Amino acid sequence: MTDGKWQKSSRSGSHDDCIEVRTSKALIELRESDDGEKVLRATPTAVAALLLAIKSGELDHHA
């Protein structure tokens, strides 16, 4: 992943309702493609923990 360039999953196609990701210095940044003003910045360790929690269903009760 190149610093500064927003990327989204190829599965998103041309849709504008997906999550984009990029690296910035030592952090990973996430944003919604249709609302680029709000950016979540986190360490790679925190993002990995978030992804594991999502995949395991740990956060499903928030849906």
PDB file of N, CA and C in Angstrom:
ATOM      1  N   MET A   1       0.851  -1.174   0.000  1.00  0.00           N
ATOM      2  CA  MET A   1       0.000   0.000   0.000  1.00  0.00           C
ATOM      3  C   MET A   1       0.898   1.239   0.000  1.00  0.00           C
ATOM      4  N   THR A   2       0.629   2.140  -0.893  1.00  0.00           N
ATOM      5  CA  THR A   2       1.446   3.338  -1.024  1.00  0.00           C
ATOM      6  C   THR A   2       0.913   4.459  -0.138  1.00  0.00           C
ATOM      7  N   ASP A   3       1.819   5.162   0.553  1.00  0.00           N
ATOM      8  CA  ASP A   3       1.383   6.288   1.390  1.00  0.00           C
ATOM      9  C   ASP A   3       0.599   7.302   0.568  1.00  0.00           C
ATOM     10  N   GLY A   4      -0.522   7.735   1.120  1.00  0.00           N
ATOM     11  CA  GLY A   4      -1.279   8.823   0.534  1.00  0.00           C
ATOM     12  C   GLY A   4      -2.328   8.436  -0.478  1.00  0.00           C
ATOM     13  N   LYS A   5      -2.292   7.255  -1.054  1.00  0.00           N
ATOM     14  CA  LYS A   5      -3.252   6.875  -2.083  1.00  0.00           C
ATOM     15  C   LYS A   5      -4.375   6.036  -1.479  1.00  0.00           C
ATOM     16  N   TRP A   6      -5.614   6.529  -1.574  1.00  0.00           N
ATOM     17  CA  TRP A   6      -6.763   5.790  -1.061  1.00  0.00           C
ATOM     18  C   TRP A   6      -7.029   4.596  -1.966  1.00  0.00           C
ATOM     19  N   GLN A   7      -7.322   3.441  -1.345  1.00  0.00           N
ATOM     20  CA  GLN A   7      -7.642   2.226  -2.081  1.00  0.00           C
ATOM     21  C   GLN A   7      -8.937   1.643  -1.547  1.00  0.00           C
ATOM     22  N   LYS A   8      -9.693   0.994  -2.438  1.00  0.00           N
ATOM     23  CA  LYS A   8     -10.892   0.284  -2.007  1.00  0.00           C
ATOM     24  C   LYS A   8     -10.876  -1.097  -2.641  1.00  0.00           C
ATOM     25  N   SER A   9     -11.662  -1.964  -2.102  1.00  0.00           N
ATOM     26  CA  SER A   9     -11.722  -3.332  -2.592  1.00  0.00           C
ATOM     27  C   SER A   9     -12.184  -3.362  -4.039  1.00  0.00           C
ATOM     28  N   SER A  10     -11.587  -4.258  -4.820  1.00  0.00           N
ATOM     29  CA  SER A  10     -12.019  -4.427  -6.206  1.00  0.00           C
ATOM     30  C   SER A  10     -13.450  -4.959  -6.263  1.00  0.00           C
ATOM     31  N   ARG A  11     -13.916  -5.571  -5.173  1.00  0.00           N
ATOM     32  CA  ARG A  11     -15.299  -6.072  -5.118  1.00  0.00           C
ATOM     33  C   ARG A  11     -16.313  -4.935  -5.034  1.00  0.00           C
ATOM     34  N   SER A  12     -15.854  -3.734  -4.728  1.00  0.00           N
ATOM     35  CA  SER A  12     -16.764  -2.586  -4.632  1.00  0.00           C
ATOM     36  C   SER A  12     -17.224  -2.116  -5.999  1.00  0.00           C
ATOM     37  N   GLY A  13     -16.462  -2.425  -7.019  1.00  0.00           N
ATOM     38  CA  GLY A  13     -16.808  -1.977  -8.368  1.00  0.00           C
ATOM     39  C   GLY A  13     -16.847  -0.468  -8.441  1.00  0.00           C
ATOM     40  N   SER A  14     -17.891   0.061  -9.051  1.00  0.00           N
ATOM     41  CA  SER A  14     -18.015   1.514  -9.190  1.00  0.00           C
ATOM     42  C   SER A  14     -18.890   2.131  -8.104  1.00  0.00           C
ATOM     43  N   HIS A  15     -19.265   1.342  -7.110  1.00  0.00           N
ATOM     44  CA  HIS A  15     -20.111   1.841  -6.024  1.00  0.00           C
ATOM     45  C   HIS A  15     -19.354   2.828  -5.136  1.00  0.00           C
ATOM     46  N   ASP A  16     -20.084   3.788  -4.596  1.00  0.00           N
ATOM     47  CA  ASP A  16     -19.484   4.786  -3.712  1.00  0.00           C
ATOM     48  C   ASP A  16     -19.878   4.559  -2.262  1.00  0.00           C
ATOM     49  N   ASP A  17     -20.267   3.352  -1.914  1.00  0.00           N
ATOM     50  CA  ASP A  17     -20.650   3.068  -0.534  1.00  0.00           C
ATOM     51  C   ASP A  17     -19.765   1.957   0.028  1.00  0.00           C
ATOM     52  N   CYS A  18     -18.488   2.266   0.087  1.00  0.00           N
ATOM     53  CA  CYS A  18     -17.531   1.272   0.580  1.00  0.00           C
ATOM     54  C   CYS A  18     -16.506   1.958   1.482  1.00  0.00           C
ATOM     55  N   ILE A  19     -15.657   1.159   2.051  1.00  0.00           N
ATOM     56  CA  ILE A  19     -14.583   1.672   2.900  1.00  0.00           C
ATOM     57  C   ILE A  19     -13.296   1.755   2.082  1.00  0.00           C
ATOM     58  N   GLU A  20     -12.614   2.865   2.215  1.00  0.00           N
ATOM     59  CA  GLU A  20     -11.316   3.043   1.559  1.00  0.00           C
ATOM     60  C   GLU A  20     -10.232   3.034   2.640  1.00  0.00           C
ATOM     61  N   VAL A  21      -9.036   2.645   2.249  1.00  0.00           N
ATOM     62  CA  VAL A  21      -7.936   2.525   3.198  1.00  0.00           C
ATOM     63  C   VAL A  21      -6.654   3.088   2.578  1.00  0.00           C
ATOM     64  N   ARG A  22      -5.794   3.618   3.427  1.00  0.00           N
ATOM     65  CA  ARG A  22      -4.464   4.046   2.996  1.00  0.00           C
ATOM     66  C   ARG A  22      -3.546   4.079   4.210  1.00  0.00           C
ATOM     67  N   THR A  23      -2.258   4.114   3.949  1.00  0.00           N
ATOM     68  CA  THR A  23      -1.298   4.286   5.031  1.00  0.00           C
ATOM     69  C   THR A  23      -0.874   5.749   5.065  1.00  0.00           C
ATOM     70  N   SER A  24      -0.601   6.217   6.252  1.00  0.00           N
ATOM     71  CA  SER A  24      -0.130   7.573   6.445  1.00  0.00           C
ATOM     72  C   SER A  24       0.850   7.558   7.605  1.00  0.00           C
ATOM     73  N   LYS A  25       2.099   7.731   7.282  1.00  0.00           N
ATOM     74  CA  LYS A  25       3.165   7.610   8.274  1.00  0.00           C
ATOM     75  C   LYS A  25       3.103   6.211   8.879  1.00  0.00           C
ATOM     76  N   ALA A  26       2.966   6.067  10.170  1.00  0.00           N
ATOM     77  CA  ALA A  26       2.926   4.739  10.797  1.00  0.00           C
ATOM     78  C   ALA A  26       1.497   4.285  11.084  1.00  0.00           C
ATOM     79  N   LEU A  27       0.503   4.996  10.526  1.00  0.00           N
ATOM     80  CA  LEU A  27      -0.900   4.688  10.815  1.00  0.00           C
ATOM     81  C   LEU A  27      -1.619   4.166   9.581  1.00  0.00           C
ATOM     82  N   ILE A  28      -2.750   3.541   9.815  1.00  0.00           N
ATOM     83  CA  ILE A  28      -3.661   3.154   8.751  1.00  0.00           C
ATOM     84  C   ILE A  28      -4.882   4.054   8.879  1.00  0.00           C
ATOM     85  N   GLU A  29      -5.334   4.587   7.753  1.00  0.00           N
ATOM     86  CA  GLU A  29      -6.494   5.466   7.746  1.00  0.00           C
ATOM     87  C   GLU A  29      -7.632   4.784   6.991  1.00  0.00           C
ATOM     88  N   LEU A  30      -8.834   4.909   7.529  1.00  0.00           N
ATOM     89  CA  LEU A  30     -10.040   4.348   6.924  1.00  0.00           C
ATOM     90  C   LEU A  30     -11.062   5.468   6.762  1.00  0.00           C
ATOM     91  N   ARG A  31     -11.824   5.408   5.676  1.00  0.00           N
ATOM     92  CA  ARG A  31     -12.903   6.376   5.472  1.00  0.00           C
ATOM     93  C   ARG A  31     -13.983   5.747   4.598  1.00  0.00           C
ATOM     94  N   GLU A  32     -15.174   6.314   4.661  1.00  0.00           N
ATOM     95  CA  GLU A  32     -16.240   5.908   3.758  1.00  0.00           C
ATOM     96  C   GLU A  32     -16.038   6.664   2.453  1.00  0.00           C
ATOM     97  N   SER A  33     -16.171   5.967   1.355  1.00  0.00           N
ATOM     98  CA  SER A  33     -15.907   6.600   0.063  1.00  0.00           C
ATOM     99  C   SER A  33     -16.885   7.729  -0.253  1.00  0.00           C
ATOM    100  N   ASP A  34     -18.102   7.663   0.297  1.00  0.00           N
ATOM    101  CA  ASP A  34     -19.074   8.714   0.026  1.00  0.00           C
ATOM    102  C   ASP A  34     -19.048   9.842   1.047  1.00  0.00           C
ATOM    103  N   ASP A  35     -18.151   9.769   2.033  1.00  0.00           N
ATOM    104  CA  ASP A  35     -18.008  10.827   3.036  1.00  0.00           C
ATOM    105  C   ASP A  35     -16.544  10.913   3.442  1.00  0.00           C
ATOM    106  N   GLY A  36     -15.727  11.445   2.559  1.00  0.00           N
ATOM    107  CA  GLY A  36     -14.284  11.468   2.752  1.00  0.00           C
ATOM    108  C   GLY A  36     -13.772  12.421   3.815  1.00  0.00           C
ATOM    109  N   GLU A  37     -14.646  13.222   4.404  1.00  0.00           N
ATOM    110  CA  GLU A  37     -14.219  14.181   5.418  1.00  0.00           C
ATOM    111  C   GLU A  37     -13.922  13.521   6.759  1.00  0.00           C
ATOM    112  N   LYS A  38     -14.564  12.411   7.042  1.00  0.00           N
ATOM    113  CA  LYS A  38     -14.388  11.715   8.318  1.00  0.00           C
ATOM    114  C   LYS A  38     -13.404  10.568   8.122  1.00  0.00           C
ATOM    115  N   VAL A  39     -12.276  10.636   8.830  1.00  0.00           N
ATOM    116  CA  VAL A  39     -11.221   9.642   8.676  1.00  0.00           C
ATOM    117  C   VAL A  39     -10.896   9.036  10.037  1.00  0.00           C
ATOM    118  N   LEU A  40     -10.864   7.718  10.080  1.00  0.00           N
ATOM    119  CA  LEU A  40     -10.457   6.988  11.284  1.00  0.00           C
ATOM    120  C   LEU A  40      -8.983   6.642  11.138  1.00  0.00           C
ATOM    121  N   ARG A  41      -8.174   7.044  12.096  1.00  0.00           N
ATOM    122  CA  ARG A  41      -6.738   6.747  12.077  1.00  0.00           C
ATOM    123  C   ARG A  41      -6.421   5.796  13.220  1.00  0.00           C
ATOM    124  N   ALA A  42      -5.683   4.725  12.906  1.00  0.00           N
ATOM    125  CA  ALA A  42      -5.357   3.729  13.924  1.00  0.00           C
ATOM    126  C   ALA A  42      -4.032   3.058  13.577  1.00  0.00           C
ATOM    127  N   THR A  43      -3.464   2.416  14.572  1.00  0.00           N
ATOM    128  CA  THR A  43      -2.237   1.660  14.344  1.00  0.00           C
ATOM    129  C   THR A  43      -2.568   0.376  13.591  1.00  0.00           C
ATOM    130  N   PRO A  44      -1.599  -0.208  12.913  1.00  0.00           N
ATOM    131  CA  PRO A  44      -1.849  -1.489  12.250  1.00  0.00           C
ATOM    132  C   PRO A  44      -2.337  -2.568  13.216  1.00  0.00           C
ATOM    133  N   THR A  45      -1.840  -2.574  14.436  1.00  0.00           N
ATOM    134  CA  THR A  45      -2.276  -3.552  15.439  1.00  0.00           C
ATOM    135  C   THR A  45      -3.748  -3.373  15.776  1.00  0.00           C
ATOM    136  N   ALA A  46      -4.186  -2.137  15.931  1.00  0.00           N
ATOM    137  CA  ALA A  46      -5.589  -1.868  16.246  1.00  0.00           C
ATOM    138  C   ALA A  46      -6.500  -2.239  15.076  1.00  0.00           C
ATOM    139  N   VAL A  47      -6.076  -1.976  13.860  1.00  0.00           N
ATOM    140  CA  VAL A  47      -6.876  -2.333  12.684  1.00  0.00           C
ATOM    141  C   VAL A  47      -6.975  -3.851  12.563  1.00  0.00           C
ATOM    142  N   ALA A  48      -5.881  -4.551  12.813  1.00  0.00           N
ATOM    143  CA  ALA A  48      -5.905  -6.018  12.770  1.00  0.00           C
ATOM    144  C   ALA A  48      -6.872  -6.575  13.812  1.00  0.00           C
ATOM    145  N   ALA A  49      -6.876  -5.998  15.003  1.00  0.00           N
ATOM    146  CA  ALA A  49      -7.804  -6.440  16.053  1.00  0.00           C
ATOM    147  C   ALA A  49      -9.251  -6.163  15.645  1.00  0.00           C
ATOM    148  N   LEU A  50      -9.493  -5.015  15.026  1.00  0.00           N
ATOM    149  CA  LEU A  50     -10.838  -4.684  14.556  1.00  0.00           C
ATOM    150  C   LEU A  50     -11.300  -5.687  13.499  1.00  0.00           C
ATOM    151  N   LEU A  51     -10.445  -5.997  12.543  1.00  0.00           N
ATOM    152  CA  LEU A  51     -10.809  -6.953  11.503  1.00  0.00           C
ATOM    153  C   LEU A  51     -11.088  -8.339  12.077  1.00  0.00           C
ATOM    154  N   LEU A  52     -10.293  -8.763  13.032  1.00  0.00           N
ATOM    155  CA  LEU A  52     -10.537 -10.061  13.683  1.00  0.00           C
ATOM    156  C   LEU A  52     -11.878 -10.063  14.414  1.00  0.00           C
ATOM    157  N   ALA A  53     -12.195  -8.967  15.084  1.00  0.00           N
ATOM    158  CA  ALA A  53     -13.474  -8.867  15.794  1.00  0.00           C
ATOM    159  C   ALA A  53     -14.650  -8.896  14.820  1.00  0.00           C
ATOM    160  N   ILE A  54     -14.508  -8.216  13.687  1.00  0.00           N
ATOM    161  CA  ILE A  54     -15.576  -8.210  12.680  1.00  0.00           C
ATOM    162  C   ILE A  54     -15.758  -9.611  12.107  1.00  0.00           C
ATOM    163  N   LYS A  55     -14.652 -10.252  11.733  1.00  0.00           N
ATOM    164  CA  LYS A  55     -14.728 -11.586  11.135  1.00  0.00           C
ATOM    165  C   LYS A  55     -15.290 -12.629  12.087  1.00  0.00           C
ATOM    166  N   SER A  56     -15.027 -12.479  13.366  1.00  0.00           N
ATOM    167  CA  SER A  56     -15.502 -13.466  14.350  1.00  0.00           C
ATOM    168  C   SER A  56     -16.957 -13.234  14.746  1.00  0.00           C
ATOM    169  N   GLY A  57     -17.530 -12.098  14.347  1.00  0.00           N
ATOM    170  CA  GLY A  57     -18.904 -11.788  14.703  1.00  0.00           C
ATOM    171  C   GLY A  57     -19.046 -11.117  16.049  1.00  0.00           C
ATOM    172  N   GLU A  58     -17.922 -10.781  16.650  1.00  0.00           N
ATOM    173  CA  GLU A  58     -17.925 -10.177  17.990  1.00  0.00           C
ATOM    174  C   GLU A  58     -18.703  -8.857  18.039  1.00  0.00           C
ATOM    175  N   LEU A  59     -18.793  -8.168  16.913  1.00  0.00           N
ATOM    176  CA  LEU A  59     -19.434  -6.845  16.882  1.00  0.00           C
ATOM    177  C   LEU A  59     -20.828  -6.880  16.263  1.00  0.00           C
ATOM    178  N   ASP A  60     -21.335  -8.057  15.962  1.00  0.00           N
ATOM    179  CA  ASP A  60     -22.638  -8.179  15.292  1.00  0.00           C
ATOM    180  C   ASP A  60     -23.782  -7.556  16.079  1.00  0.00           C
ATOM    181  N   HIS A  61     -23.685  -7.524  17.385  1.00  0.00           N
ATOM    182  CA  HIS A  61     -24.774  -6.961  18.181  1.00  0.00           C
ATOM    183  C   HIS A  61     -24.898  -5.440  17.995  1.00  0.00           C
ATOM    184  N   HIS A  62     -23.934  -4.824  17.343  1.00  0.00           N
ATOM    185  CA  HIS A  62     -23.993  -3.373  17.083  1.00  0.00           C
ATOM    186  C   HIS A  62     -24.722  -3.050  15.771  1.00  0.00           C
ATOM    187  N   ALA A  63     -24.994  -4.055  14.991  1.00  0.00           N
ATOM    188  CA  ALA A  63     -25.612  -3.838  13.666  1.00  0.00           C
ATOM    189  C   ALA A  63     -27.059  -3.428  13.786  1.00  0.00           C
TER     190      ALA A  63
END
